[in-house]
Amino acid sequence: NITKSRENVVISVEDASTEQFNVVVSQQNEPPDGYAVGTMVPEQSIIQITGPASIVSKIKRVEAVIDVSTFTSDRTVHCNLRVVDGNNEQLSTADLATLEFTGKTEGMDVSVTMLRTKEVSLRLGYTGTPDGNYSFSSISYRPETVEIAGTAENIAGVSEIVIPDEAINIDGITENLQLTLDITPYLPEGIRLNDEAEASVAVLVEIER
């Protein structure tokens, strides 16, 4: 004899939902010394996901995760996809099991270009003259060196970043001048800063009676 504890079960049914999400490449770790990541381009920029509306509504973005700690040359890498919710946490395994990915279900290829890096000095000057009762004393700035990134050919001929004198005008000043200068517009063609935080240079011009 087979006896069942119940004759029926209750199931919960909800509407299905289909949404499109941008695929964002997420970099893990830093490349070896002397190298920087140039671009990371996924083979598919948008992915379509179908599933229960309550689960799909949680999704904030889809990431292709890539570890660049050993990269020293351009390459194409197959990456796993990570689905992230509004709290920047991965969806649970149970939630992921209810979703269908259109196109790419087992990850995605990402094309990575690598750049060389190099530390170079900054050279700043000034233009103008202080008020008649004062004369120029000194100019100082931080940082004095920056790390640039570019192809091996592009960075080979760069030994310093020269900021035009016109960028710092001390004409008529009657007290020390402090300013923050964005050096990005003065980078040579094909060159970028490895750390964008170094784009802002703190400058101090001191004068004396």
N, C-alpha and C. Protein backbone atom coordinates (compact mmCIF):
# COMPACT_ATOMS: atom_id res chain seq x y z
N ASN A 1 0.85 -1.20 0.00
CA ASN A 1 0.00 0.00 0.00
C ASN A 1 0.88 1.25 0.00
N ILE A 2 0.50 2.23 -0.77
CA ILE A 2 1.20 3.52 -0.78
C ILE A 2 0.22 4.59 -0.32
N THR A 3 0.58 5.27 0.75
CA THR A 3 -0.27 6.32 1.29
C THR A 3 0.44 7.66 1.13
N LYS A 4 -0.25 8.61 0.55
CA LYS A 4 0.33 9.94 0.35
C LYS A 4 -0.12 10.86 1.48
N SER A 5 0.78 11.75 1.86
CA SER A 5 0.43 12.70 2.93
C SER A 5 -0.54 13.76 2.44
N ARG A 6 -0.52 14.04 1.14
CA ARG A 6 -1.48 14.99 0.58
C ARG A 6 -1.75 14.62 -0.87
N GLU A 7 -2.89 15.03 -1.34
CA GLU A 7 -3.29 14.74 -2.71
C GLU A 7 -2.84 15.81 -3.69
N ASN A 8 -2.63 17.03 -3.16
CA ASN A 8 -2.29 18.18 -4.02
C ASN A 8 -1.13 18.97 -3.43
N VAL A 9 -0.46 19.74 -4.28
CA VAL A 9 0.57 20.68 -3.83
C VAL A 9 0.23 22.05 -4.37
N VAL A 10 0.71 23.07 -3.66
CA VAL A 10 0.48 24.45 -4.08
C VAL A 10 1.74 24.94 -4.79
N ILE A 11 1.58 25.49 -5.98
CA ILE A 11 2.71 26.07 -6.70
C ILE A 11 2.49 27.56 -6.86
N SER A 12 3.60 28.28 -6.96
CA SER A 12 3.53 29.73 -7.15
C SER A 12 3.96 30.04 -8.58
N VAL A 13 3.12 30.73 -9.30
CA VAL A 13 3.39 31.08 -10.69
C VAL A 13 3.41 32.60 -10.83
N GLU A 14 4.44 33.12 -11.49
CA GLU A 14 4.48 34.56 -11.71
C GLU A 14 4.82 34.83 -13.17
N ASP A 15 4.66 36.07 -13.56
CA ASP A 15 4.92 36.46 -14.95
C ASP A 15 6.41 36.32 -15.27
N ALA A 16 6.68 35.95 -16.50
CA ALA A 16 8.06 35.94 -16.98
C ALA A 16 8.43 37.34 -17.45
N SER A 17 9.73 37.63 -17.41
CA SER A 17 10.21 38.94 -17.83
C SER A 17 11.48 38.76 -18.65
N THR A 18 11.64 39.57 -19.68
CA THR A 18 12.84 39.55 -20.51
C THR A 18 13.42 40.96 -20.55
N GLU A 19 14.70 41.06 -20.19
CA GLU A 19 15.37 42.36 -20.19
C GLU A 19 16.74 42.23 -20.85
N GLN A 20 17.24 43.35 -21.34
CA GLN A 20 18.59 43.40 -21.90
C GLN A 20 19.50 44.16 -20.95
N PHE A 21 20.72 43.66 -20.79
CA PHE A 21 21.68 44.27 -19.87
C PHE A 21 23.02 44.45 -20.58
N ASN A 22 23.68 45.57 -20.26
CA ASN A 22 25.03 45.80 -20.76
C ASN A 22 26.00 44.82 -20.10
N VAL A 23 26.95 44.33 -20.87
CA VAL A 23 27.99 43.47 -20.33
C VAL A 23 29.20 44.35 -19.98
N VAL A 24 29.56 44.37 -18.70
CA VAL A 24 30.68 45.18 -18.21
C VAL A 24 31.84 44.25 -17.89
N VAL A 25 33.02 44.57 -18.39
CA VAL A 25 34.20 43.76 -18.09
C VAL A 25 34.77 44.20 -16.74
N SER A 26 34.89 43.25 -15.83
CA SER A 26 35.40 43.53 -14.48
C SER A 26 36.82 42.99 -14.36
N GLN A 27 37.76 43.89 -14.09
CA GLN A 27 39.17 43.50 -13.98
C GLN A 27 39.50 43.05 -12.57
N GLN A 28 40.15 41.91 -12.47
CA GLN A 28 40.65 41.43 -11.19
C GLN A 28 42.16 41.50 -11.18
N ASN A 29 42.71 42.02 -10.08
CA ASN A 29 44.16 42.13 -9.88
C ASN A 29 44.78 43.13 -10.87
N GLU A 30 46.06 43.38 -10.69
CA GLU A 30 46.79 44.32 -11.53
C GLU A 30 47.77 43.57 -12.41
N PRO A 31 48.06 44.09 -13.61
CA PRO A 31 49.03 43.42 -14.49
C PRO A 31 50.44 43.51 -13.90
N PRO A 32 51.41 42.77 -14.45
CA PRO A 32 52.79 42.83 -13.96
C PRO A 32 53.36 44.24 -14.07
N ASP A 33 54.41 44.50 -13.28
CA ASP A 33 55.07 45.81 -13.33
C ASP A 33 55.53 46.12 -14.76
N GLY A 34 55.31 47.36 -15.14
CA GLY A 34 55.71 47.79 -16.47
C GLY A 34 54.63 47.65 -17.51
N TYR A 35 53.45 47.15 -17.10
CA TYR A 35 52.35 46.95 -18.04
C TYR A 35 51.06 47.56 -17.48
N ALA A 36 50.16 47.91 -18.38
CA ALA A 36 48.84 48.44 -18.01
C ALA A 36 47.82 47.91 -19.00
N VAL A 37 46.59 47.80 -18.54
CA VAL A 37 45.51 47.36 -19.42
C VAL A 37 45.07 48.53 -20.30
N GLY A 38 45.06 48.31 -21.61
CA GLY A 38 44.59 49.34 -22.53
C GLY A 38 43.09 49.31 -22.68
N THR A 39 42.57 48.27 -23.32
CA THR A 39 41.12 48.11 -23.50
C THR A 39 40.74 46.67 -23.19
N MET A 40 39.49 46.50 -22.78
CA MET A 40 38.91 45.17 -22.56
C MET A 40 37.52 45.19 -23.20
N VAL A 41 37.40 44.53 -24.35
CA VAL A 41 36.17 44.62 -25.14
C VAL A 41 35.51 43.24 -25.21
N PRO A 42 34.29 43.10 -24.66
CA PRO A 42 33.58 41.82 -24.75
C PRO A 42 33.06 41.59 -26.17
N GLU A 43 32.97 40.33 -26.57
CA GLU A 43 32.49 40.02 -27.93
C GLU A 43 31.03 40.40 -28.10
N GLN A 44 30.32 40.58 -27.01
CA GLN A 44 28.90 40.93 -27.07
C GLN A 44 28.65 41.97 -25.99
N SER A 45 28.22 43.17 -26.37
CA SER A 45 28.08 44.26 -25.40
C SER A 45 26.76 44.21 -24.65
N ILE A 46 25.78 43.51 -25.18
CA ILE A 46 24.46 43.42 -24.55
C ILE A 46 24.05 41.95 -24.52
N ILE A 47 23.44 41.56 -23.41
CA ILE A 47 22.94 40.19 -23.29
C ILE A 47 21.49 40.22 -22.82
N GLN A 48 20.69 39.31 -23.34
CA GLN A 48 19.27 39.25 -23.00
C GLN A 48 19.03 38.14 -21.99
N ILE A 49 18.29 38.46 -20.94
CA ILE A 49 18.02 37.49 -19.87
C ILE A 49 16.52 37.37 -19.69
N THR A 50 16.05 36.13 -19.61
CA THR A 50 14.63 35.86 -19.38
C THR A 50 14.48 35.03 -18.11
N GLY A 51 13.46 35.34 -17.32
CA GLY A 51 13.22 34.59 -16.10
C GLY A 51 12.06 35.18 -15.33
N PRO A 52 11.79 34.69 -14.11
CA PRO A 52 10.72 35.25 -13.29
C PRO A 52 10.92 36.74 -13.08
N ALA A 53 9.85 37.49 -13.17
CA ALA A 53 9.96 38.95 -13.09
C ALA A 53 10.62 39.40 -11.79
N SER A 54 10.35 38.71 -10.69
CA SER A 54 10.93 39.11 -9.40
C SER A 54 12.44 38.92 -9.37
N ILE A 55 12.95 37.94 -10.12
CA ILE A 55 14.39 37.70 -10.16
C ILE A 55 15.06 38.65 -11.14
N VAL A 56 14.47 38.80 -12.32
CA VAL A 56 15.06 39.69 -13.33
C VAL A 56 15.13 41.12 -12.82
N SER A 57 14.15 41.54 -12.03
CA SER A 57 14.13 42.92 -11.51
C SER A 57 15.27 43.18 -10.53
N LYS A 58 15.87 42.14 -9.98
CA LYS A 58 16.99 42.31 -9.05
C LYS A 58 18.28 42.66 -9.77
N ILE A 59 18.37 42.28 -11.05
CA ILE A 59 19.65 42.38 -11.77
C ILE A 59 20.01 43.84 -12.02
N LYS A 60 21.24 44.18 -11.66
CA LYS A 60 21.75 45.53 -11.91
C LYS A 60 22.68 45.53 -13.12
N ARG A 61 23.54 44.52 -13.23
CA ARG A 61 24.48 44.45 -14.36
C ARG A 61 24.98 43.02 -14.52
N VAL A 62 25.58 42.77 -15.68
CA VAL A 62 26.22 41.48 -15.96
C VAL A 62 27.69 41.75 -16.21
N GLU A 63 28.55 41.04 -15.50
CA GLU A 63 29.99 41.26 -15.61
C GLU A 63 30.69 40.07 -16.24
N ALA A 64 31.66 40.36 -17.09
CA ALA A 64 32.61 39.36 -17.57
C ALA A 64 33.88 39.54 -16.75
N VAL A 65 34.20 38.58 -15.92
CA VAL A 65 35.29 38.73 -14.96
C VAL A 65 36.59 38.22 -15.56
N ILE A 66 37.65 39.04 -15.46
CA ILE A 66 38.93 38.66 -16.07
C ILE A 66 40.08 38.99 -15.14
N ASP A 67 40.99 38.05 -14.97
CA ASP A 67 42.18 38.21 -14.13
C ASP A 67 43.36 38.55 -15.04
N VAL A 68 43.92 39.77 -14.87
CA VAL A 68 44.98 40.24 -15.77
C VAL A 68 46.36 40.17 -15.12
N SER A 69 46.49 39.45 -14.02
CA SER A 69 47.74 39.47 -13.24
C SER A 69 48.95 38.92 -13.99
N THR A 70 48.73 38.16 -15.07
CA THR A 70 49.86 37.59 -15.81
C THR A 70 49.94 38.10 -17.25
N PHE A 71 49.14 39.09 -17.60
CA PHE A 71 49.06 39.54 -18.99
C PHE A 71 50.20 40.51 -19.33
N THR A 72 50.94 40.19 -20.38
CA THR A 72 51.98 41.10 -20.88
C THR A 72 51.85 41.35 -22.37
N SER A 73 50.81 40.81 -23.00
CA SER A 73 50.60 41.01 -24.43
C SER A 73 49.10 40.95 -24.74
N ASP A 74 48.73 41.41 -25.93
CA ASP A 74 47.33 41.38 -26.33
C ASP A 74 46.85 39.93 -26.44
N ARG A 75 45.58 39.71 -26.08
CA ARG A 75 45.04 38.35 -26.16
C ARG A 75 43.53 38.38 -26.07
N THR A 76 42.91 37.25 -26.40
CA THR A 76 41.48 37.05 -26.23
C THR A 76 41.27 35.96 -25.19
N VAL A 77 40.46 36.27 -24.20
CA VAL A 77 40.28 35.37 -23.05
C VAL A 77 38.81 35.03 -22.89
N HIS A 78 38.53 33.78 -22.56
CA HIS A 78 37.16 33.36 -22.28
C HIS A 78 36.87 33.60 -20.80
N CYS A 79 35.84 34.38 -20.50
CA CYS A 79 35.53 34.78 -19.13
C CYS A 79 34.16 34.26 -18.69
N ASN A 80 34.05 33.97 -17.41
CA ASN A 80 32.75 33.63 -16.84
C ASN A 80 31.90 34.87 -16.69
N LEU A 81 30.59 34.70 -16.74
CA LEU A 81 29.66 35.81 -16.53
C LEU A 81 29.20 35.82 -15.09
N ARG A 82 29.11 37.01 -14.52
CA ARG A 82 28.65 37.17 -13.15
C ARG A 82 27.46 38.14 -13.15
N VAL A 83 26.35 37.69 -12.58
CA VAL A 83 25.14 38.50 -12.53
C VAL A 83 25.06 39.15 -11.15
N VAL A 84 24.99 40.50 -11.14
CA VAL A 84 25.08 41.26 -9.90
C VAL A 84 23.77 42.00 -9.65
N ASP A 85 23.35 42.02 -8.37
CA ASP A 85 22.10 42.70 -8.02
C ASP A 85 22.37 44.13 -7.56
N GLY A 86 21.31 44.81 -7.09
CA GLY A 86 21.43 46.20 -6.69
C GLY A 86 22.31 46.44 -5.49
N ASN A 87 22.62 45.39 -4.73
CA ASN A 87 23.51 45.49 -3.57
C ASN A 87 24.95 45.12 -3.92
N ASN A 88 25.23 45.03 -5.23
CA ASN A 88 26.56 44.65 -5.73
C ASN A 88 26.97 43.26 -5.26
N GLU A 89 25.99 42.38 -5.11
CA GLU A 89 26.26 41.00 -4.74
C GLU A 89 25.79 40.09 -5.86
N GLN A 90 26.48 38.94 -6.00
CA GLN A 90 26.09 37.98 -7.01
C GLN A 90 24.73 37.36 -6.67
N LEU A 91 23.94 37.11 -7.71
CA LEU A 91 22.69 36.40 -7.49
C LEU A 91 22.99 34.99 -6.97
N SER A 92 22.09 34.49 -6.15
CA SER A 92 22.28 33.16 -5.58
C SER A 92 22.19 32.10 -6.67
N THR A 93 22.71 30.93 -6.37
CA THR A 93 22.65 29.82 -7.32
C THR A 93 21.21 29.46 -7.66
N ALA A 94 20.33 29.52 -6.65
CA ALA A 94 18.92 29.20 -6.87
C ALA A 94 18.28 30.20 -7.84
N ASP A 95 18.58 31.50 -7.68
CA ASP A 95 18.04 32.51 -8.58
C ASP A 95 18.58 32.33 -10.00
N LEU A 96 19.89 32.07 -10.10
CA LEU A 96 20.50 31.90 -11.41
C LEU A 96 19.90 30.72 -12.18
N ALA A 97 19.49 29.70 -11.43
CA ALA A 97 18.94 28.51 -12.07
C ALA A 97 17.61 28.79 -12.78
N THR A 98 16.95 29.88 -12.42
CA THR A 98 15.66 30.21 -13.04
C THR A 98 15.81 31.09 -14.27
N LEU A 99 17.05 31.50 -14.59
CA LEU A 99 17.28 32.45 -15.68
C LEU A 99 17.76 31.76 -16.95
N GLU A 100 17.38 32.32 -18.08
CA GLU A 100 17.86 31.86 -19.38
C GLU A 100 18.59 33.01 -20.06
N PHE A 101 19.81 32.74 -20.54
CA PHE A 101 20.63 33.75 -21.22
C PHE A 101 20.54 33.50 -22.71
N THR A 102 20.18 34.54 -23.46
CA THR A 102 20.11 34.42 -24.91
C THR A 102 21.49 34.68 -25.51
N GLY A 103 22.00 33.73 -26.24
CA GLY A 103 23.29 33.91 -26.90
C GLY A 103 24.42 33.25 -26.16
N LYS A 104 24.83 33.82 -25.02
CA LYS A 104 25.99 33.33 -24.30
C LYS A 104 25.56 32.78 -22.94
N THR A 105 25.71 31.50 -22.77
CA THR A 105 25.33 30.89 -21.49
C THR A 105 26.53 30.40 -20.70
N GLU A 106 27.64 30.16 -21.37
CA GLU A 106 28.81 29.60 -20.69
C GLU A 106 29.97 30.60 -20.66
N GLY A 107 29.66 31.88 -20.57
CA GLY A 107 30.72 32.88 -20.54
C GLY A 107 30.86 33.57 -21.87
N MET A 108 31.91 34.38 -21.99
CA MET A 108 32.06 35.23 -23.16
C MET A 108 33.53 35.53 -23.40
N ASP A 109 33.91 35.66 -24.67
CA ASP A 109 35.29 36.03 -25.01
C ASP A 109 35.48 37.54 -24.85
N VAL A 110 36.62 37.93 -24.29
CA VAL A 110 36.96 39.34 -24.12
C VAL A 110 38.32 39.59 -24.77
N SER A 111 38.39 40.60 -25.64
CA SER A 111 39.66 40.98 -26.28
C SER A 111 40.36 42.02 -25.41
N VAL A 112 41.59 41.73 -25.03
CA VAL A 112 42.35 42.59 -24.13
C VAL A 112 43.59 43.12 -24.85
N THR A 113 43.79 44.43 -24.80
CA THR A 113 45.02 45.03 -25.31
C THR A 113 45.85 45.51 -24.12
N MET A 114 47.14 45.28 -24.19
CA MET A 114 48.05 45.66 -23.10
C MET A 114 48.97 46.78 -23.55
N LEU A 115 49.28 47.68 -22.62
CA LEU A 115 50.17 48.81 -22.88
C LEU A 115 51.41 48.69 -21.99
N ARG A 116 52.48 49.35 -22.40
CA ARG A 116 53.67 49.47 -21.56
C ARG A 116 53.57 50.73 -20.73
N THR A 117 54.21 50.74 -19.57
CA THR A 117 54.20 51.91 -18.70
C THR A 117 55.62 52.43 -18.50
N LYS A 118 55.70 53.69 -18.11
CA LYS A 118 57.00 54.33 -17.93
C LYS A 118 56.83 55.54 -17.03
N GLU A 119 57.76 55.73 -16.11
CA GLU A 119 57.72 56.90 -15.24
C GLU A 119 58.54 58.03 -15.85
N VAL A 120 57.91 59.19 -15.97
CA VAL A 120 58.59 60.34 -16.56
C VAL A 120 58.39 61.55 -15.66
N SER A 121 59.25 62.53 -15.82
CA SER A 121 59.17 63.74 -15.00
C SER A 121 58.24 64.77 -15.63
N LEU A 122 57.74 65.67 -14.79
CA LEU A 122 56.96 66.81 -15.24
C LEU A 122 57.85 68.04 -15.29
N ARG A 123 57.62 68.90 -16.26
CA ARG A 123 58.35 70.18 -16.32
C ARG A 123 57.35 71.30 -16.49
N LEU A 124 57.32 72.18 -15.48
CA LEU A 124 56.38 73.31 -15.48
C LEU A 124 57.15 74.62 -15.48
N GLY A 125 56.62 75.58 -16.19
CA GLY A 125 57.14 76.94 -16.15
C GLY A 125 56.02 77.89 -15.80
N TYR A 126 56.18 79.16 -16.16
CA TYR A 126 55.13 80.15 -15.89
C TYR A 126 55.29 81.30 -16.86
N THR A 127 54.27 82.13 -16.93
CA THR A 127 54.34 83.34 -17.75
C THR A 127 53.83 84.51 -16.92
N GLY A 128 54.26 85.71 -17.29
CA GLY A 128 53.82 86.90 -16.59
C GLY A 128 54.78 87.31 -15.48
N THR A 129 54.51 88.48 -14.90
CA THR A 129 55.32 88.99 -13.79
C THR A 129 54.39 89.45 -12.69
N PRO A 130 54.81 89.29 -11.42
CA PRO A 130 53.97 89.74 -10.31
C PRO A 130 53.81 91.26 -10.32
N ASP A 131 53.00 91.73 -9.38
CA ASP A 131 52.83 93.16 -9.17
C ASP A 131 54.21 93.83 -8.99
N GLY A 132 54.30 95.15 -9.30
CA GLY A 132 55.58 95.85 -9.30
C GLY A 132 56.33 95.80 -7.99
N ASN A 133 55.65 95.60 -6.86
CA ASN A 133 56.33 95.54 -5.56
C ASN A 133 56.85 94.14 -5.23
N TYR A 134 56.67 93.18 -6.15
CA TYR A 134 57.04 91.80 -5.87
C TYR A 134 57.86 91.24 -7.02
N SER A 135 58.57 90.15 -6.71
CA SER A 135 59.31 89.43 -7.75
C SER A 135 59.11 87.93 -7.56
N PHE A 136 59.30 87.20 -8.63
CA PHE A 136 59.16 85.74 -8.58
C PHE A 136 60.23 85.14 -7.69
N SER A 137 59.83 84.16 -6.85
CA SER A 137 60.78 83.48 -5.97
C SER A 137 61.00 82.03 -6.38
N SER A 138 59.91 81.24 -6.46
CA SER A 138 60.08 79.82 -6.79
C SER A 138 58.75 79.23 -7.25
N ILE A 139 58.84 78.08 -7.91
CA ILE A 139 57.66 77.33 -8.29
C ILE A 139 57.90 75.86 -7.92
N SER A 140 56.92 75.26 -7.28
CA SER A 140 57.02 73.85 -6.90
C SER A 140 55.71 73.17 -7.23
N TYR A 141 55.76 71.85 -7.39
CA TYR A 141 54.54 71.12 -7.75
C TYR A 141 54.67 69.66 -7.32
N ARG A 142 53.52 69.06 -7.07
CA ARG A 142 53.41 67.65 -6.70
C ARG A 142 52.26 67.02 -7.47
N PRO A 143 52.43 65.83 -8.07
CA PRO A 143 53.69 65.08 -8.12
C PRO A 143 54.67 65.67 -9.11
N GLU A 144 55.95 65.31 -8.96
CA GLU A 144 56.96 65.77 -9.89
C GLU A 144 57.18 64.77 -11.01
N THR A 145 56.74 63.54 -10.81
CA THR A 145 56.81 62.51 -11.85
C THR A 145 55.44 61.84 -11.97
N VAL A 146 55.16 61.31 -13.14
CA VAL A 146 53.91 60.57 -13.38
C VAL A 146 54.23 59.31 -14.17
N GLU A 147 53.35 58.34 -14.06
CA GLU A 147 53.52 57.11 -14.83
C GLU A 147 52.60 57.16 -16.04
N ILE A 148 53.19 57.07 -17.22
CA ILE A 148 52.41 57.12 -18.46
C ILE A 148 52.25 55.70 -19.01
N ALA A 149 51.27 55.54 -19.89
CA ALA A 149 51.02 54.25 -20.52
C ALA A 149 50.76 54.47 -22.00
N GLY A 150 51.25 53.54 -22.81
CA GLY A 150 51.05 53.60 -24.25
C GLY A 150 51.74 52.40 -24.89
N THR A 151 51.69 52.33 -26.19
CA THR A 151 52.40 51.26 -26.87
C THR A 151 53.90 51.48 -26.68
N ALA A 152 54.66 50.41 -26.85
CA ALA A 152 56.11 50.51 -26.68
C ALA A 152 56.70 51.58 -27.59
N GLU A 153 56.16 51.70 -28.80
CA GLU A 153 56.66 52.70 -29.76
C GLU A 153 56.35 54.11 -29.29
N ASN A 154 55.13 54.31 -28.75
CA ASN A 154 54.72 55.66 -28.36
C ASN A 154 55.48 56.18 -27.15
N ILE A 155 55.74 55.32 -26.17
CA ILE A 155 56.38 55.82 -24.94
C ILE A 155 57.90 55.88 -25.06
N ALA A 156 58.46 55.23 -26.10
CA ALA A 156 59.92 55.19 -26.23
C ALA A 156 60.51 56.59 -26.34
N GLY A 157 59.84 57.50 -27.04
CA GLY A 157 60.38 58.83 -27.27
C GLY A 157 59.97 59.86 -26.24
N VAL A 158 59.28 59.45 -25.19
CA VAL A 158 58.81 60.40 -24.18
C VAL A 158 59.67 60.27 -22.92
N SER A 159 60.37 61.33 -22.57
CA SER A 159 61.20 61.33 -21.36
C SER A 159 60.66 62.28 -20.30
N GLU A 160 59.80 63.22 -20.71
CA GLU A 160 59.18 64.14 -19.77
C GLU A 160 57.91 64.71 -20.37
N ILE A 161 57.04 65.18 -19.50
CA ILE A 161 55.82 65.86 -19.92
C ILE A 161 56.02 67.35 -19.68
N VAL A 162 55.99 68.12 -20.75
CA VAL A 162 56.24 69.56 -20.66
C VAL A 162 54.91 70.30 -20.67
N ILE A 163 54.66 71.08 -19.64
CA ILE A 163 53.45 71.89 -19.55
C ILE A 163 53.77 73.29 -20.08
N PRO A 164 53.01 73.81 -21.03
CA PRO A 164 53.31 75.14 -21.58
C PRO A 164 53.29 76.22 -20.49
N ASP A 165 54.17 77.20 -20.64
CA ASP A 165 54.23 78.29 -19.66
C ASP A 165 52.88 78.99 -19.51
N GLU A 166 52.12 79.05 -20.60
CA GLU A 166 50.84 79.77 -20.57
C GLU A 166 49.84 79.15 -19.60
N ALA A 167 50.08 77.92 -19.18
CA ALA A 167 49.14 77.25 -18.27
C ALA A 167 49.17 77.86 -16.88
N ILE A 168 50.27 78.55 -16.53
CA ILE A 168 50.39 79.17 -15.20
C ILE A 168 50.76 80.63 -15.39
N ASN A 169 49.79 81.51 -15.18
CA ASN A 169 49.98 82.95 -15.39
C ASN A 169 50.06 83.65 -14.04
N ILE A 170 51.21 84.29 -13.76
CA ILE A 170 51.38 84.97 -12.48
C ILE A 170 51.35 86.49 -12.65
N ASP A 171 50.81 86.94 -13.75
CA ASP A 171 50.82 88.38 -14.05
C ASP A 171 50.03 89.15 -12.99
N GLY A 172 50.71 90.12 -12.33
CA GLY A 172 50.05 91.02 -11.40
C GLY A 172 49.72 90.45 -10.05
N ILE A 173 50.14 89.25 -9.70
CA ILE A 173 49.77 88.68 -8.40
C ILE A 173 50.50 89.40 -7.28
N THR A 174 49.86 89.46 -6.11
CA THR A 174 50.44 90.13 -4.95
C THR A 174 50.60 89.19 -3.76
N GLU A 175 50.34 87.92 -3.98
CA GLU A 175 50.53 86.92 -2.94
C GLU A 175 50.84 85.58 -3.61
N ASN A 176 51.31 84.64 -2.81
CA ASN A 176 51.64 83.32 -3.37
C ASN A 176 50.42 82.74 -4.08
N LEU A 177 50.68 82.05 -5.17
CA LEU A 177 49.60 81.49 -5.99
C LEU A 177 49.58 79.97 -5.84
N GLN A 178 48.42 79.44 -5.45
CA GLN A 178 48.23 78.00 -5.38
C GLN A 178 47.12 77.61 -6.35
N LEU A 179 47.35 76.58 -7.11
CA LEU A 179 46.33 76.11 -8.05
C LEU A 179 46.50 74.63 -8.32
N THR A 180 45.43 74.03 -8.85
CA THR A 180 45.46 72.64 -9.26
C THR A 180 45.33 72.59 -10.78
N LEU A 181 46.30 71.95 -11.42
CA LEU A 181 46.39 71.95 -12.88
C LEU A 181 46.09 70.55 -13.41
N ASP A 182 45.18 70.47 -14.38
CA ASP A 182 44.89 69.21 -15.06
C ASP A 182 45.87 69.07 -16.23
N ILE A 183 46.73 68.06 -16.17
CA ILE A 183 47.76 67.92 -17.19
C ILE A 183 47.31 67.04 -18.37
N THR A 184 46.11 66.51 -18.30
CA THR A 184 45.64 65.60 -19.36
C THR A 184 45.74 66.21 -20.75
N PRO A 185 45.33 67.49 -20.96
CA PRO A 185 45.39 68.05 -22.32
C PRO A 185 46.81 68.17 -22.88
N TYR A 186 47.82 68.06 -22.02
CA TYR A 186 49.19 68.27 -22.47
C TYR A 186 49.95 66.96 -22.70
N LEU A 187 49.26 65.83 -22.60
CA LEU A 187 49.91 64.55 -22.85
C LEU A 187 50.12 64.36 -24.36
N PRO A 188 51.24 63.78 -24.77
CA PRO A 188 51.48 63.54 -26.20
C PRO A 188 50.42 62.60 -26.77
N GLU A 189 50.24 62.66 -28.07
CA GLU A 189 49.25 61.81 -28.73
C GLU A 189 49.61 60.34 -28.52
N GLY A 190 48.60 59.54 -28.20
CA GLY A 190 48.81 58.11 -27.99
C GLY A 190 49.29 57.75 -26.60
N ILE A 191 49.38 58.75 -25.71
CA ILE A 191 49.86 58.54 -24.35
C ILE A 191 48.74 58.88 -23.37
N ARG A 192 48.59 58.07 -22.33
CA ARG A 192 47.65 58.37 -21.26
C ARG A 192 48.35 58.13 -19.93
N LEU A 193 47.73 58.61 -18.85
CA LEU A 193 48.27 58.35 -17.52
C LEU A 193 47.84 56.97 -17.07
N ASN A 194 48.75 56.26 -16.43
CA ASN A 194 48.39 54.94 -15.91
C ASN A 194 47.43 55.06 -14.74
N ASP A 195 47.58 56.13 -13.96
CA ASP A 195 46.70 56.41 -12.83
C ASP A 195 46.06 57.78 -13.06
N GLU A 196 44.75 57.80 -13.31
CA GLU A 196 44.07 59.07 -13.61
C GLU A 196 44.15 60.06 -12.46
N ALA A 197 44.40 59.57 -11.25
CA ALA A 197 44.51 60.48 -10.10
C ALA A 197 45.71 61.41 -10.24
N GLU A 198 46.71 61.02 -11.03
CA GLU A 198 47.90 61.85 -11.23
C GLU A 198 47.65 62.98 -12.21
N ALA A 199 46.45 63.05 -12.78
CA ALA A 199 46.15 64.12 -13.74
C ALA A 199 46.11 65.48 -13.05
N SER A 200 45.78 65.51 -11.76
CA SER A 200 45.69 66.77 -11.02
C SER A 200 47.02 67.05 -10.32
N VAL A 201 47.67 68.12 -10.72
CA VAL A 201 48.96 68.49 -10.15
C VAL A 201 48.78 69.75 -9.30
N ALA A 202 49.23 69.68 -8.05
CA ALA A 202 49.16 70.84 -7.14
C ALA A 202 50.38 71.72 -7.37
N VAL A 203 50.14 72.99 -7.71
CA VAL A 203 51.22 73.93 -8.04
C VAL A 203 51.24 75.06 -7.01
N LEU A 204 52.44 75.42 -6.58
CA LEU A 204 52.62 76.56 -5.68
C LEU A 204 53.67 77.49 -6.26
N VAL A 205 53.27 78.74 -6.52
CA VAL A 205 54.20 79.78 -6.99
C VAL A 205 54.40 80.75 -5.83
N GLU A 206 55.66 80.93 -5.41
CA GLU A 206 55.96 81.83 -4.29
C GLU A 206 56.63 83.10 -4.84
N ILE A 207 56.23 84.23 -4.27
CA ILE A 207 56.82 85.51 -4.64
C ILE A 207 57.38 86.18 -3.38
N GLU A 208 58.16 87.22 -3.58
CA GLU A 208 58.72 87.95 -2.44
C GLU A 208 58.76 89.44 -2.77
N ARG A 209 58.78 90.26 -1.71
CA ARG A 209 58.83 91.71 -1.92
C ARG A 209 60.17 92.11 -2.49
